[in-house]
Each structure stands twice: as structure tokens, then as C-alpha cells.
């Protein structure tokens, strides 16, 4: 069971949902009864591929066929599936049926409210989170970002003031890459790396090639009250781009670039990295806080679900 579940979850996190489903069904054919962990894995696969009908079917079957009572992890996977598909009200209704929903599971929906720009529901969900977890840093940052995305700077200031009064500080976005057995850490627009100038030059070259290939910066997720040119500059310095540029200049041609990021990759960086993978002819693997993204020849394994 452990081996089957590990393979199913591995496929799920890397974007190979059909392979995950095939493994799950093969496991059952071999007489192995799914447990609660296997159900979590297959629901995760459906969530990461936007397979809502399949996800509903497996969720319903877990009690009817396998006698497994849905736990927090199963509700979380289904809420994530609904949220990724933009079915925010369905996600809200599902979470509301739970006896004691946690701040973490409500935060899945709050994150989706940001992606789908639903401020009214975001405020409703945020209040649910703060009822059970008033010091939830991520939720307050998300709410601030949702307001910023709508240009509601007074509300942004209010949320940030509350955070300061509570002594809450936002963790910076970081990316890591290993080159020659050494871990290199990058923070957005950080100038501390010894090869800072060379990395900037590499980024400039990539930017020029991307623009020739049709790239236009999406500044919608730059959550600062600045002009468009400054927003483009801020995107240009995102930590994963700096890590990727360093990886390209520090490894032989054709080498796969592997980067880890501590938060969700933004829409613009996702678009940019797809183009970069095609321009440099390399596979680029980015593990953000949600899943693995395999960028290859201008495409990503996530199928735009992340």
C-alpha cells in the first residue's frame, strides 16, 4: 500500500493525473483496498488537473465503497479542486458542512478568492479564518494582497496596520537552487549574491529574447501602489527568475534547472518561465508551495492549474 500511495501522490504532485488514476485503478484490480492516504493522493491528483467530476466520484465512493469517513485532508483536497476550477461557492458550501473547519482549509478558499478576484467572498472567508486563528499570518497577507489587487489601498493600510499592532511580519518570498553541491538563496531584488551583476545581465538578455518571442508583462499581481514601469521592474527581480538565471549561467547547456520557492509562483513568472524553457532549450522544474511545475519547450506540466 505504501508503495502504491507514494507513486500515486508523486504523479499527482508532478501533474500526471491520468497516470495517478491509472495506478489507483490498477491497485484496486490487484485486490488492494484503498486507505485514507490513497484517497487523499487520488483527490490531490484530480485537484491538480482540474478533474472535478472524477474528484467528486472518488470523494463520494470513499464512504460508500471503502467505508472511509472523510477527514480534513479529504475535505481540503476537494475544496482545493473546487477552488482551482473557480467554483468558489461550491468550495464554501463544502467547507461549511465540516464540523470544525480549520483556518488552514479556509485559507485554501481565500487564496482562490485572490486568483478569481472575488473580494466579497474573500472578506467573508477571512472573517471565518480569524474566528479560529486570529494570528494567521498568511491569511492577513492574502487579504491585504486581495485588496491591493483591486486598488483598495485604504483597506490594505488597515490590514497592514493590524499586522504591525499584532507584531506579525510577512515572510519574504525566497527561492533556492543547488549548484555544485552548494545551496544558493535568492530573495526578490536582493543584491547580496556575489554574482549579482552577472545575474542581472543574464536576466536582461533573457528579457530581450522573451519580448522578441511576444512576452508582455502581466503586472496585475504586483501589489504595490507604483506605476507600470516600476511594476515591471519588480516582476523582473522575482526570486525564482534570479535563481533560474543563475542556474542557466552556472551549469552546462542542457542541464535541468531545479528551483524551490516558498510561496506560490505568480502568473507572470509562470508565463515567463515557460518562455525561458523554450528559449534556452532546457527543462526547468520549480517546486512552489503547491506543486511541482515541469517547464519544457514552452509548456508546463500543471496545465495552468496551480
Protein backbone atom coordinates (compact mmCIF):
# COMPACT_ATOMS: atom_id res chain seq x y z
CA UNK A 1 0.00 0.00 0.00
CA UNK A 2 2.78 2.44 0.89
CA UNK A 3 4.49 1.99 -2.49
CA UNK A 4 1.24 2.40 -4.42
CA UNK A 5 0.29 5.52 -2.49
CA UNK A 6 3.75 7.05 -2.93
CA UNK A 7 3.59 6.54 -6.70
CA UNK A 8 0.05 7.95 -6.93
CA UNK A 9 0.95 11.03 -4.89
CA UNK A 10 4.16 11.50 -6.86
CA UNK A 11 2.20 11.55 -10.11
CA UNK A 12 -0.34 13.92 -8.54
CA UNK A 13 2.21 16.49 -7.41
CA UNK A 14 4.07 16.42 -10.72
CA UNK A 15 0.92 16.95 -12.81
CA UNK A 16 0.42 13.44 -14.16
CA UNK A 17 -3.19 12.96 -13.07
CA UNK A 18 -4.11 10.33 -15.66
CA UNK A 19 -1.14 8.20 -14.58
CA UNK A 20 -2.22 8.62 -10.96
CA UNK A 21 -5.75 7.45 -11.77
CA UNK A 22 -4.41 4.51 -13.78
CA UNK A 23 -2.23 3.44 -10.83
CA UNK A 24 -5.14 3.80 -8.41
CA UNK A 25 -7.39 1.61 -10.54
CA UNK A 26 -4.61 -0.93 -11.10
CA UNK A 27 -4.07 -1.09 -7.34
CA UNK A 28 -7.75 -1.95 -6.84
CA UNK A 29 -7.63 -4.60 -9.58
CA UNK A 30 -4.80 -6.28 -7.71
CA UNK A 31 -7.05 -6.58 -4.67
CA UNK A 32 -5.53 -3.79 -2.59
CA UNK A 33 -8.23 -1.82 -0.80
CA UNK A 34 -7.56 1.95 -0.76
CA UNK A 35 -6.98 3.52 2.63
CA UNK A 36 -7.46 7.16 3.66
CA UNK A 37 -3.96 8.11 2.42
CA UNK A 38 -4.57 6.62 -1.03
CA UNK A 39 -7.85 8.54 -1.27
CA UNK A 40 -6.03 11.76 -0.38
CA UNK A 41 -3.49 11.05 -3.13
CA UNK A 42 -6.09 10.44 -5.84
CA UNK A 43 -8.11 13.51 -4.81
CA UNK A 44 -4.91 15.55 -4.98
CA UNK A 45 -4.31 14.24 -8.50
CA UNK A 46 -7.80 15.31 -9.55
CA UNK A 47 -7.35 18.70 -7.90
CA UNK A 48 -4.06 19.44 -9.65
CA UNK A 49 -5.56 18.59 -13.04
CA UNK A 50 -8.96 20.25 -12.63
CA UNK A 51 -10.75 16.89 -12.95
CA UNK A 52 -13.82 17.87 -10.98
CA UNK A 53 -16.18 15.04 -11.99
CA UNK A 54 -13.58 12.39 -11.20
CA UNK A 55 -12.78 14.07 -7.89
CA UNK A 56 -16.43 14.12 -6.85
CA UNK A 57 -16.77 10.46 -7.76
CA UNK A 58 -13.79 9.38 -5.67
CA UNK A 59 -14.92 11.57 -2.76
CA UNK A 60 -18.41 10.02 -2.80
CA UNK A 61 -17.04 6.49 -3.14
CA UNK A 62 -14.72 6.70 -0.15
CA UNK A 63 -17.63 6.22 2.25
CA UNK A 64 -19.95 4.17 0.04
CA UNK A 65 -17.38 1.64 -1.22
CA UNK A 66 -14.47 1.79 1.20
CA UNK A 67 -16.13 2.76 4.47
CA UNK A 68 -13.75 5.66 4.98
CA UNK A 69 -15.11 8.74 6.70
CA UNK A 70 -13.82 11.94 5.06
CA UNK A 71 -11.13 13.64 7.11
CA UNK A 72 -9.64 17.12 7.00
CA UNK A 73 -7.20 16.15 4.25
CA UNK A 74 -10.03 14.88 2.01
CA UNK A 75 -12.14 17.99 2.51
CA UNK A 76 -9.03 20.09 1.83
CA UNK A 77 -8.36 18.28 -1.45
CA UNK A 78 -11.96 18.72 -2.59
CA UNK A 79 -12.06 22.38 -1.53
CA UNK A 80 -8.83 22.87 -3.46
CA UNK A 81 -10.35 21.19 -6.53
CA UNK A 82 -13.46 23.38 -6.46
CA UNK A 83 -11.34 26.47 -5.86
CA UNK A 84 -8.94 25.81 -8.73
CA UNK A 85 -11.91 25.41 -11.08
CA UNK A 86 -13.37 28.71 -9.92
CA UNK A 87 -16.33 27.07 -8.18
CA UNK A 88 -15.82 29.15 -5.07
CA UNK A 89 -19.38 28.91 -3.78
CA UNK A 90 -19.23 25.11 -4.02
CA UNK A 91 -15.98 25.17 -2.05
CA UNK A 92 -17.57 27.44 0.56
CA UNK A 93 -20.58 25.16 0.92
CA UNK A 94 -18.37 22.08 1.23
CA UNK A 95 -16.19 23.60 3.94
CA UNK A 96 -19.30 24.83 5.77
CA UNK A 97 -20.52 21.23 6.10
CA UNK A 98 -17.46 20.35 8.20
CA UNK A 99 -17.93 20.13 11.95
CA UNK A 100 -14.86 22.21 12.80
CA UNK A 101 -13.19 23.66 9.69
CA UNK A 102 -9.69 24.94 10.39
CA UNK A 103 -8.08 28.20 9.37
CA UNK A 104 -5.87 26.22 7.01
CA UNK A 105 -8.73 24.82 4.96
CA UNK A 106 -10.49 28.20 4.83
CA UNK A 107 -7.18 29.66 3.62
CA UNK A 108 -7.33 27.42 0.53
CA UNK A 109 -10.53 29.19 -0.44
CA UNK A 110 -9.14 32.62 0.46
CA UNK A 111 -6.22 32.01 -1.89
CA UNK A 112 -8.67 31.10 -4.66
CA UNK A 113 -10.61 34.31 -3.98
CA UNK A 114 -7.44 36.19 -4.82
CA UNK A 115 -6.89 34.25 -8.04
CA UNK A 116 -10.52 34.70 -9.13
CA UNK A 117 -10.77 38.28 -7.78
CA UNK A 118 -13.78 37.70 -5.54
CA UNK A 119 -13.38 40.34 -2.84
CA UNK A 120 -16.81 39.91 -1.23
CA UNK A 121 -16.31 36.20 -0.61
CA UNK A 122 -12.71 36.85 0.47
CA UNK A 123 -13.89 39.13 3.27
CA UNK A 124 -16.42 36.53 4.37
CA UNK A 125 -13.82 33.75 4.35
CA UNK A 126 -11.22 35.89 6.11
CA UNK A 127 -13.63 36.51 8.98
CA UNK A 128 -14.07 32.74 9.30
CA UNK A 129 -10.30 32.29 9.48
CA UNK A 130 -9.77 34.98 12.10
CA UNK A 131 -12.50 33.46 14.27
CA UNK A 132 -10.50 30.25 14.67
CA UNK A 133 -6.96 31.52 14.05
CA UNK A 134 -6.62 35.28 14.69
CA UNK A 135 -2.83 35.23 14.24
CA UNK A 136 -2.89 33.52 10.84
CA UNK A 137 -0.15 35.48 9.06
CA UNK A 138 -0.80 34.00 5.62
CA UNK A 139 -4.49 34.90 5.69
CA UNK A 140 -3.82 38.51 6.62
CA UNK A 141 -1.20 38.82 3.89
CA UNK A 142 -3.61 37.26 1.39
CA UNK A 143 -6.40 39.64 2.38
CA UNK A 144 -4.03 42.59 2.03
CA UNK A 145 -3.00 41.33 -1.41
CA UNK A 146 -6.63 40.89 -2.49
CA UNK A 147 -7.38 44.50 -1.56
CA UNK A 148 -4.19 45.68 -3.29
CA UNK A 149 -5.12 43.82 -6.46
CA UNK A 150 -8.34 45.87 -6.54
CA UNK A 151 -6.54 49.14 -5.77
CA UNK A 152 -8.24 49.45 -2.39
CA UNK A 153 -5.23 50.96 -0.67
CA UNK A 154 -7.11 52.19 2.42
CA UNK A 155 -8.11 48.61 3.23
CA UNK A 156 -4.53 47.47 2.53
CA UNK A 157 -3.22 50.03 5.01
CA UNK A 158 -5.78 48.93 7.60
CA UNK A 159 -4.78 45.25 7.32
CA UNK A 160 -1.08 46.08 7.47
CA UNK A 161 -1.61 48.31 10.50
CA UNK A 162 -3.43 45.45 12.25
CA UNK A 163 -0.49 43.17 11.46
CA UNK A 164 2.00 45.67 12.87
CA UNK A 165 -0.06 46.11 16.03
CA UNK A 166 -0.13 42.33 16.46
CA UNK A 167 3.61 42.06 15.87
CA UNK A 168 3.05 39.97 12.73
CA UNK A 169 5.66 40.15 9.97
CA UNK A 170 5.36 38.79 6.46
CA UNK A 171 7.97 36.20 5.50
CA UNK A 172 9.84 37.24 2.33
CA UNK A 173 9.47 35.24 -0.88
CA UNK A 174 12.59 33.08 -1.30
CA UNK A 175 13.91 30.67 -3.90
CA UNK A 176 16.69 28.12 -3.62
CA UNK A 177 18.83 26.34 -6.19
CA UNK A 178 21.65 23.83 -5.73
CA UNK A 179 24.70 24.24 -7.96
CA UNK A 180 27.87 22.18 -7.47
CA UNK A 181 26.67 20.86 -4.10
CA UNK A 182 26.04 24.36 -2.73
CA UNK A 183 22.62 25.85 -1.94
CA UNK A 184 22.12 29.41 -3.20
CA UNK A 185 19.29 31.51 -1.75
CA UNK A 186 17.57 34.31 -3.64
CA UNK A 187 15.17 36.96 -2.38
CA UNK A 188 13.35 39.35 -4.72
CA UNK A 189 15.64 42.19 -5.83
CA UNK A 190 18.32 41.09 -3.34
CA UNK A 191 21.79 42.41 -4.17
CA UNK A 192 23.80 40.27 -1.74
CA UNK A 193 24.74 37.44 -4.10
CA UNK A 194 28.42 37.70 -5.18
CA UNK A 195 27.37 37.30 -8.83
CA UNK A 196 24.59 39.89 -8.61
CA UNK A 197 25.75 41.90 -11.64
CA UNK A 198 26.25 38.82 -13.81
CA UNK A 199 22.78 37.54 -12.84
CA UNK A 200 21.26 40.90 -13.77
CA UNK A 201 23.00 40.79 -17.15
CA UNK A 202 21.69 37.26 -17.75
CA UNK A 203 18.18 38.40 -16.81
CA UNK A 204 18.43 41.34 -19.22
CA UNK A 205 19.42 39.02 -22.07
CA UNK A 206 16.55 36.66 -21.26
CA UNK A 207 14.12 39.58 -21.03
CA UNK A 208 15.09 40.82 -24.50
CA UNK A 209 14.66 37.35 -26.01
CA UNK A 210 11.32 36.89 -24.23
CA UNK A 211 9.99 40.18 -25.58
CA UNK A 212 11.06 39.19 -29.09
CA UNK A 213 9.06 35.98 -28.56
CA UNK A 214 5.96 38.01 -27.66
CA UNK A 215 6.21 38.30 -23.88
CA UNK A 216 4.19 41.11 -22.29
CA UNK A 217 4.48 41.55 -18.53
CA UNK A 218 1.33 40.86 -16.51
CA UNK A 219 1.53 43.41 -13.70
CA UNK A 220 -1.81 42.52 -12.12
CA UNK A 221 -0.16 40.68 -9.24
CA UNK A 222 2.33 43.43 -8.39
CA UNK A 223 0.68 44.60 -5.22
CA UNK A 224 2.34 47.97 -4.75
CA UNK A 225 0.93 51.42 -5.46
CA UNK A 226 3.52 52.29 -8.13
CA UNK A 227 3.49 53.00 -11.88
CA UNK A 228 3.58 50.28 -14.55
CA UNK A 229 7.30 50.63 -15.28
CA UNK A 230 8.15 50.11 -11.63
CA UNK A 231 5.81 47.12 -11.54
CA UNK A 232 7.65 45.57 -14.50
CA UNK A 233 10.95 46.11 -12.71
CA UNK A 234 9.62 44.39 -9.58
CA UNK A 235 8.50 41.37 -11.62
CA UNK A 236 11.89 41.22 -13.28
CA UNK A 237 13.52 40.76 -9.86
CA UNK A 238 11.34 37.93 -8.52
CA UNK A 239 13.40 35.36 -6.66
CA UNK A 240 12.67 32.36 -8.90
CA UNK A 241 13.77 34.27 -12.01
CA UNK A 242 17.04 35.20 -10.33
CA UNK A 243 17.60 31.59 -9.28
CA UNK A 244 16.85 30.33 -12.79
CA UNK A 245 19.16 32.89 -14.41
CA UNK A 246 21.93 31.86 -12.01
CA UNK A 247 21.28 28.20 -12.79
CA UNK A 248 21.48 28.78 -16.54
CA UNK A 249 24.77 30.67 -16.33
CA UNK A 250 26.30 28.21 -13.83
CA UNK A 251 25.53 24.83 -15.43
CA UNK A 252 26.30 23.18 -18.78
CA UNK A 253 23.85 23.60 -21.66
CA UNK A 254 21.02 21.09 -21.50
CA UNK A 255 21.21 20.64 -17.72
CA UNK A 256 17.83 20.59 -15.96
CA UNK A 257 17.34 23.60 -13.68
CA UNK A 258 15.66 22.79 -10.34
CA UNK A 259 14.36 25.56 -8.09
CA UNK A 260 12.34 25.55 -4.87
CA UNK A 261 10.16 28.51 -3.89
CA UNK A 262 8.47 29.03 -0.53
CA UNK A 263 5.26 30.59 -1.89
CA UNK A 264 3.01 30.22 -4.92
CA UNK A 265 4.62 31.18 -8.22
CA UNK A 266 2.91 34.24 -9.71
CA UNK A 267 1.10 34.24 -13.05
CA UNK A 268 3.68 36.41 -14.78
CA UNK A 269 6.65 34.32 -13.63
CA UNK A 270 4.80 31.18 -14.74
CA UNK A 271 4.39 32.68 -18.23
CA UNK A 272 7.98 33.91 -18.26
CA UNK A 273 9.48 30.56 -17.23
CA UNK A 274 7.53 28.76 -19.95
CA UNK A 275 9.15 31.08 -22.49
CA UNK A 276 12.59 30.77 -20.88
CA UNK A 277 12.43 26.97 -21.08
CA UNK A 278 11.85 27.23 -24.82
CA UNK A 279 14.46 29.94 -25.39
CA UNK A 280 17.29 28.12 -23.59
CA UNK A 281 16.19 24.60 -24.57
CA UNK A 282 16.14 23.27 -21.02
CA UNK A 283 13.71 21.67 -18.64
CA UNK A 284 13.09 23.90 -15.63
CA UNK A 285 11.50 22.35 -12.55
CA UNK A 286 10.04 24.71 -9.95
CA UNK A 287 8.59 23.39 -6.70
CA UNK A 288 6.38 26.08 -5.16
CA UNK A 289 4.22 25.70 -2.04
CA UNK A 290 1.55 23.89 -4.04
CA UNK A 291 3.14 21.50 -6.52
CA UNK A 292 5.95 20.72 -8.95
CA UNK A 293 5.99 22.63 -12.24
CA UNK A 294 7.89 20.99 -15.09
CA UNK A 295 8.55 23.64 -17.74
CA UNK A 296 9.64 22.20 -21.06
CA UNK A 297 9.63 23.68 -24.58
CA UNK A 298 7.26 26.49 -23.63
CA UNK A 299 4.74 24.36 -21.73
CA UNK A 300 4.15 23.46 -18.09
CA UNK A 301 3.04 20.13 -16.65
CA UNK A 302 0.48 21.85 -14.42
CA UNK A 303 -1.80 22.65 -17.35
CA UNK A 304 -2.39 26.09 -15.79
CA UNK A 305 -3.82 24.57 -12.57
CA UNK A 306 -1.79 25.63 -9.56
